[in-house]
């Protein structure tokens, strides 16, 4: 949903790698842009408010917070923290309650590479 797959300090996820592989997604599409919530979250919140929504469920992208998978392997991406703080604040400011999914199949590629090295 958020897109911006290679922006704001985000590391690649297993989904990014999969979606960039030719033939995996119809019409050669990938997850680079998606619906571009990363850049359009204020607009998106206004649309939700206009439709009368009072809650919004979204996922926090693990590789946007920990680009290399963990504190030990690269630390926290402050740009990612700022993005989610801004999104949550915008939701609350507009009367929408945020519901956060902590993991939705967005494993950092760095972790898979570390724990499943190529032979």
N, C-alpha and C. Protein backbone atom coordinates (compact mmCIF):
# COMPACT_ATOMS: atom_id res chain seq x y z
N UNK A 1 0.82 -1.19 0.00
CA UNK A 1 0.00 0.00 0.00
C UNK A 1 0.87 1.25 0.00
N UNK A 2 1.87 1.30 0.88
CA UNK A 2 2.61 2.56 1.00
C UNK A 2 3.53 2.83 -0.17
N UNK A 3 3.96 1.83 -0.90
CA UNK A 3 4.88 2.07 -2.02
C UNK A 3 6.22 2.59 -1.52
N UNK A 4 6.84 3.47 -2.33
CA UNK A 4 8.14 4.06 -1.96
C UNK A 4 9.11 2.97 -1.51
N UNK A 5 9.18 1.91 -2.29
CA UNK A 5 9.94 0.72 -1.91
C UNK A 5 11.43 0.99 -1.68
N UNK A 6 11.96 2.01 -2.32
CA UNK A 6 13.39 2.30 -2.17
C UNK A 6 13.62 3.74 -1.72
N UNK A 7 12.68 4.28 -0.94
CA UNK A 7 12.78 5.66 -0.47
C UNK A 7 12.74 5.73 1.04
N UNK A 8 13.16 6.85 1.57
CA UNK A 8 13.07 7.10 3.00
C UNK A 8 13.87 6.15 3.85
N UNK A 9 14.95 5.61 3.29
CA UNK A 9 15.82 4.72 4.06
C UNK A 9 15.34 3.29 4.18
N UNK A 10 14.23 2.95 3.51
CA UNK A 10 13.69 1.58 3.60
C UNK A 10 14.63 0.59 2.94
N UNK A 11 14.84 -0.53 3.61
CA UNK A 11 15.59 -1.63 3.02
C UNK A 11 14.66 -2.52 2.22
N UNK A 12 15.21 -3.36 1.36
CA UNK A 12 14.36 -4.27 0.58
C UNK A 12 13.74 -5.36 1.45
N UNK A 13 12.54 -5.75 1.08
CA UNK A 13 11.84 -6.85 1.76
C UNK A 13 11.81 -8.06 0.84
N UNK A 14 11.40 -9.20 1.38
CA UNK A 14 11.27 -10.39 0.54
C UNK A 14 10.21 -10.17 -0.54
N UNK A 15 9.18 -9.36 -0.24
CA UNK A 15 8.17 -9.05 -1.24
C UNK A 15 8.76 -8.19 -2.35
N UNK A 16 9.60 -7.22 -2.00
CA UNK A 16 10.24 -6.39 -3.02
C UNK A 16 11.03 -7.26 -3.98
N UNK A 17 11.82 -8.18 -3.44
CA UNK A 17 12.63 -9.06 -4.29
C UNK A 17 11.73 -9.90 -5.19
N UNK A 18 10.70 -10.50 -4.62
CA UNK A 18 9.78 -11.33 -5.38
C UNK A 18 9.10 -10.51 -6.48
N UNK A 19 8.57 -9.34 -6.13
CA UNK A 19 7.79 -8.55 -7.09
C UNK A 19 8.65 -7.96 -8.21
N UNK A 20 9.95 -7.87 -7.98
CA UNK A 20 10.86 -7.37 -9.02
C UNK A 20 11.31 -8.48 -9.98
N UNK A 21 11.01 -9.71 -9.65
CA UNK A 21 11.40 -10.84 -10.50
C UNK A 21 10.45 -10.92 -11.70
N UNK A 22 10.99 -10.89 -12.92
CA UNK A 22 10.13 -10.93 -14.11
C UNK A 22 9.17 -12.12 -14.10
N UNK A 23 7.93 -11.84 -14.47
CA UNK A 23 6.92 -12.88 -14.60
C UNK A 23 6.19 -13.23 -13.31
N UNK A 24 6.55 -12.64 -12.20
CA UNK A 24 5.90 -12.98 -10.92
C UNK A 24 4.55 -12.29 -10.76
N UNK A 25 4.41 -11.08 -11.31
CA UNK A 25 3.17 -10.33 -11.19
C UNK A 25 2.69 -9.96 -12.59
N UNK A 26 1.40 -10.09 -12.81
CA UNK A 26 0.80 -9.81 -14.12
C UNK A 26 1.20 -8.42 -14.63
N UNK A 27 1.39 -8.33 -15.90
CA UNK A 27 1.72 -7.08 -16.60
C UNK A 27 3.04 -6.46 -16.16
N UNK A 28 3.89 -7.24 -15.52
CA UNK A 28 5.20 -6.73 -15.12
C UNK A 28 5.17 -5.71 -14.01
N UNK A 29 4.06 -5.64 -13.28
CA UNK A 29 3.97 -4.68 -12.18
C UNK A 29 4.81 -5.13 -11.00
N UNK A 30 5.05 -4.21 -10.07
CA UNK A 30 5.80 -4.54 -8.85
C UNK A 30 5.28 -3.68 -7.70
N UNK A 31 6.01 -3.65 -6.61
CA UNK A 31 5.56 -2.93 -5.41
C UNK A 31 6.24 -1.57 -5.25
N UNK A 32 6.88 -1.08 -6.29
CA UNK A 32 7.63 0.16 -6.16
C UNK A 32 6.75 1.34 -5.75
N UNK A 33 5.56 1.45 -6.36
CA UNK A 33 4.70 2.60 -6.10
C UNK A 33 3.45 2.19 -5.33
N UNK A 34 2.83 1.08 -5.69
CA UNK A 34 1.57 0.62 -5.08
C UNK A 34 0.54 1.75 -5.16
N UNK A 35 -0.15 2.07 -4.06
CA UNK A 35 -1.08 3.21 -4.08
C UNK A 35 -0.41 4.48 -3.56
N UNK A 36 0.87 4.40 -3.30
CA UNK A 36 1.71 5.55 -2.96
C UNK A 36 1.29 6.25 -1.66
N UNK A 37 0.85 5.47 -0.69
CA UNK A 37 0.47 6.06 0.59
C UNK A 37 1.63 6.81 1.24
N UNK A 38 2.85 6.37 1.00
CA UNK A 38 4.02 7.02 1.59
C UNK A 38 4.04 8.51 1.27
N UNK A 39 3.69 8.87 0.05
CA UNK A 39 3.69 10.27 -0.36
C UNK A 39 2.32 10.93 -0.22
N UNK A 40 1.25 10.13 -0.19
CA UNK A 40 -0.10 10.69 -0.27
C UNK A 40 -0.93 10.45 0.99
N UNK A 41 -0.28 10.15 2.12
CA UNK A 41 -1.05 9.75 3.30
C UNK A 41 -2.01 10.84 3.76
N UNK A 42 -1.65 12.11 3.63
CA UNK A 42 -2.57 13.18 4.06
C UNK A 42 -3.83 13.18 3.19
N UNK A 43 -3.66 13.02 1.90
CA UNK A 43 -4.81 12.89 0.99
C UNK A 43 -5.64 11.67 1.33
N UNK A 44 -4.96 10.56 1.57
CA UNK A 44 -5.66 9.32 1.90
C UNK A 44 -6.50 9.48 3.16
N UNK A 45 -5.95 10.13 4.17
CA UNK A 45 -6.69 10.36 5.41
C UNK A 45 -7.92 11.22 5.14
N UNK A 46 -7.78 12.22 4.29
CA UNK A 46 -8.93 13.06 3.96
C UNK A 46 -10.01 12.25 3.24
N UNK A 47 -9.61 11.35 2.37
CA UNK A 47 -10.59 10.48 1.68
C UNK A 47 -11.30 9.57 2.69
N UNK A 48 -10.55 9.02 3.63
CA UNK A 48 -11.16 8.17 4.66
C UNK A 48 -12.17 8.96 5.49
N UNK A 49 -11.77 10.16 5.87
CA UNK A 49 -12.65 11.02 6.67
C UNK A 49 -13.92 11.36 5.87
N UNK A 50 -13.76 11.72 4.60
CA UNK A 50 -14.89 12.06 3.73
C UNK A 50 -15.87 10.89 3.61
N UNK A 51 -15.34 9.66 3.58
CA UNK A 51 -16.19 8.47 3.46
C UNK A 51 -16.85 8.09 4.79
N UNK A 52 -16.52 8.82 5.85
CA UNK A 52 -17.15 8.55 7.14
C UNK A 52 -16.47 7.46 7.95
N UNK A 53 -15.27 7.09 7.58
CA UNK A 53 -14.53 6.07 8.33
C UNK A 53 -14.08 6.65 9.67
N UNK A 54 -14.00 5.78 10.67
CA UNK A 54 -13.50 6.25 11.97
C UNK A 54 -12.29 5.45 12.45
N UNK A 55 -11.87 4.46 11.66
CA UNK A 55 -10.67 3.68 11.97
C UNK A 55 -9.90 3.43 10.67
N UNK A 56 -8.63 3.10 10.84
CA UNK A 56 -7.80 2.75 9.68
C UNK A 56 -6.77 1.73 10.11
N UNK A 57 -6.77 0.58 9.43
CA UNK A 57 -5.79 -0.46 9.71
C UNK A 57 -4.68 -0.37 8.68
N UNK A 58 -3.46 -0.39 9.16
CA UNK A 58 -2.31 -0.37 8.27
C UNK A 58 -1.19 -1.19 8.89
N UNK A 59 -0.25 -1.54 8.06
CA UNK A 59 0.90 -2.33 8.51
C UNK A 59 2.12 -1.44 8.64
N UNK A 60 2.95 -1.75 9.61
CA UNK A 60 4.26 -1.11 9.72
C UNK A 60 5.25 -2.01 8.99
N UNK A 61 5.93 -1.43 8.01
CA UNK A 61 6.89 -2.18 7.22
C UNK A 61 8.17 -2.38 8.03
N UNK A 62 8.44 -3.62 8.36
CA UNK A 62 9.64 -3.96 9.15
C UNK A 62 10.90 -3.38 8.51
N UNK A 63 11.12 -3.57 7.18
CA UNK A 63 12.34 -3.02 6.61
C UNK A 63 12.35 -1.50 6.47
N UNK A 64 11.21 -0.84 6.68
CA UNK A 64 11.23 0.62 6.72
C UNK A 64 11.75 1.09 8.08
N UNK A 65 11.52 0.32 9.13
CA UNK A 65 12.00 0.66 10.47
C UNK A 65 13.41 0.13 10.68
N UNK A 66 13.64 -1.12 10.29
CA UNK A 66 14.95 -1.76 10.43
C UNK A 66 15.40 -2.22 9.03
N UNK A 67 16.04 -1.35 8.25
CA UNK A 67 16.39 -1.68 6.87
C UNK A 67 17.22 -2.95 6.71
N UNK A 68 18.04 -3.27 7.70
CA UNK A 68 18.85 -4.49 7.62
C UNK A 68 18.31 -5.58 8.53
N UNK A 69 17.10 -5.37 9.05
CA UNK A 69 16.41 -6.42 9.79
C UNK A 69 16.41 -6.31 11.29
N UNK A 70 17.40 -5.62 11.88
CA UNK A 70 17.46 -5.58 13.34
C UNK A 70 18.34 -4.42 13.79
N UNK A 71 18.30 -4.17 15.09
CA UNK A 71 19.20 -3.16 15.67
C UNK A 71 20.65 -3.56 15.47
N UNK A 72 20.93 -4.82 15.68
CA UNK A 72 22.30 -5.32 15.60
C UNK A 72 22.89 -5.22 14.20
N UNK A 73 22.04 -5.34 13.20
CA UNK A 73 22.53 -5.36 11.82
C UNK A 73 22.27 -4.06 11.08
N UNK A 74 22.26 -2.94 11.76
CA UNK A 74 22.11 -1.70 11.01
C UNK A 74 21.32 -0.61 11.70
N UNK A 75 20.66 -0.93 12.79
CA UNK A 75 19.97 0.10 13.55
C UNK A 75 18.62 0.51 12.99
N UNK A 76 18.10 1.56 13.61
CA UNK A 76 16.76 2.07 13.32
C UNK A 76 16.84 3.14 12.23
N UNK A 77 15.90 3.11 11.33
CA UNK A 77 15.77 4.14 10.30
C UNK A 77 14.85 5.23 10.83
N UNK A 78 15.41 6.35 11.21
CA UNK A 78 14.62 7.45 11.80
C UNK A 78 13.61 8.02 10.81
N UNK A 79 13.92 7.97 9.51
CA UNK A 79 12.94 8.43 8.52
C UNK A 79 11.69 7.56 8.54
N UNK A 80 11.88 6.27 8.73
CA UNK A 80 10.74 5.36 8.82
C UNK A 80 9.90 5.64 10.05
N UNK A 81 10.56 5.86 11.18
CA UNK A 81 9.84 6.20 12.42
C UNK A 81 9.04 7.48 12.22
N UNK A 82 9.67 8.48 11.59
CA UNK A 82 8.99 9.76 11.36
C UNK A 82 7.77 9.58 10.46
N UNK A 83 7.90 8.75 9.43
CA UNK A 83 6.77 8.51 8.53
C UNK A 83 5.57 7.95 9.30
N UNK A 84 5.80 6.91 10.10
CA UNK A 84 4.68 6.31 10.84
C UNK A 84 4.15 7.25 11.92
N UNK A 85 5.01 8.02 12.57
CA UNK A 85 4.53 9.03 13.52
C UNK A 85 3.63 10.03 12.82
N UNK A 86 4.06 10.50 11.65
CA UNK A 86 3.25 11.47 10.90
C UNK A 86 1.93 10.88 10.46
N UNK A 87 1.94 9.64 9.98
CA UNK A 87 0.70 8.99 9.57
C UNK A 87 -0.26 8.85 10.76
N UNK A 88 0.24 8.35 11.87
CA UNK A 88 -0.60 8.16 13.06
C UNK A 88 -1.13 9.49 13.56
N UNK A 89 -0.28 10.50 13.61
CA UNK A 89 -0.73 11.83 14.06
C UNK A 89 -1.80 12.39 13.14
N UNK A 90 -1.64 12.20 11.84
CA UNK A 90 -2.63 12.69 10.86
C UNK A 90 -3.97 11.97 11.04
N UNK A 91 -3.93 10.67 11.28
CA UNK A 91 -5.15 9.92 11.53
C UNK A 91 -5.87 10.45 12.77
N UNK A 92 -5.14 10.57 13.86
CA UNK A 92 -5.73 11.03 15.13
C UNK A 92 -6.28 12.44 14.98
N UNK A 93 -5.52 13.32 14.34
CA UNK A 93 -5.94 14.71 14.14
C UNK A 93 -7.27 14.78 13.38
N UNK A 94 -7.53 13.79 12.54
CA UNK A 94 -8.75 13.77 11.73
C UNK A 94 -9.82 12.83 12.27
N UNK A 95 -9.66 12.41 13.51
CA UNK A 95 -10.69 11.61 14.17
C UNK A 95 -10.73 10.15 13.77
N UNK A 96 -9.64 9.63 13.21
CA UNK A 96 -9.58 8.21 12.85
C UNK A 96 -8.68 7.49 13.84
N UNK A 97 -9.15 6.35 14.30
CA UNK A 97 -8.35 5.55 15.22
C UNK A 97 -7.44 4.61 14.44
N UNK A 98 -6.13 4.69 14.68
CA UNK A 98 -5.22 3.79 13.98
C UNK A 98 -5.23 2.38 14.58
N UNK A 99 -5.28 1.37 13.71
CA UNK A 99 -5.10 -0.02 14.10
C UNK A 99 -3.86 -0.52 13.37
N UNK A 100 -2.85 -0.88 14.12
CA UNK A 100 -1.55 -1.21 13.54
C UNK A 100 -1.32 -2.71 13.49
N UNK A 101 -0.94 -3.20 12.31
CA UNK A 101 -0.49 -4.57 12.13
C UNK A 101 1.03 -4.52 12.16
N UNK A 102 1.63 -5.28 13.05
CA UNK A 102 3.08 -5.22 13.20
C UNK A 102 3.84 -6.05 12.18
N UNK A 103 3.22 -7.10 11.67
CA UNK A 103 3.91 -7.91 10.67
C UNK A 103 2.90 -8.43 9.66
N UNK A 104 3.11 -8.08 8.40
CA UNK A 104 2.22 -8.56 7.34
C UNK A 104 3.07 -8.97 6.14
N UNK A 105 3.88 -10.00 6.33
CA UNK A 105 4.67 -10.61 5.27
C UNK A 105 5.66 -9.64 4.62
N UNK A 106 6.25 -8.78 5.43
CA UNK A 106 7.20 -7.78 4.94
C UNK A 106 8.56 -8.00 5.60
N UNK A 107 9.05 -9.23 5.52
CA UNK A 107 10.33 -9.58 6.14
C UNK A 107 11.48 -8.88 5.42
N UNK A 108 12.40 -8.28 6.17
CA UNK A 108 13.57 -7.67 5.52
C UNK A 108 14.37 -8.73 4.75
N UNK A 109 14.70 -8.42 3.51
CA UNK A 109 15.49 -9.33 2.69
C UNK A 109 16.82 -9.64 3.36
N UNK A 110 17.37 -8.67 4.09
CA UNK A 110 18.66 -8.87 4.77
C UNK A 110 18.59 -10.02 5.77
N UNK A 111 17.45 -10.20 6.44
CA UNK A 111 17.33 -11.32 7.39
C UNK A 111 17.30 -12.65 6.66
N UNK A 112 16.53 -12.71 5.58
CA UNK A 112 16.50 -13.97 4.82
C UNK A 112 17.90 -14.29 4.29
N UNK A 113 18.59 -13.29 3.78
CA UNK A 113 19.94 -13.51 3.26
C UNK A 113 20.90 -13.96 4.36
N UNK A 114 20.73 -13.41 5.57
CA UNK A 114 21.62 -13.75 6.69
C UNK A 114 21.37 -15.17 7.19
N UNK A 115 20.08 -15.52 7.36
CA UNK A 115 19.74 -16.81 7.95
C UNK A 115 19.64 -17.94 6.92
N UNK A 116 19.46 -17.59 5.66
CA UNK A 116 19.39 -18.60 4.60
C UNK A 116 20.41 -18.26 3.52
N UNK A 117 21.69 -18.30 3.88
CA UNK A 117 22.71 -17.93 2.89
C UNK A 117 22.71 -18.90 1.71
N UNK A 118 23.10 -18.36 0.57
CA UNK A 118 23.21 -19.21 -0.62
C UNK A 118 24.38 -20.15 -0.45
N UNK A 119 24.21 -21.42 -0.84
CA UNK A 119 25.29 -22.39 -0.70
C UNK A 119 26.30 -22.23 -1.81
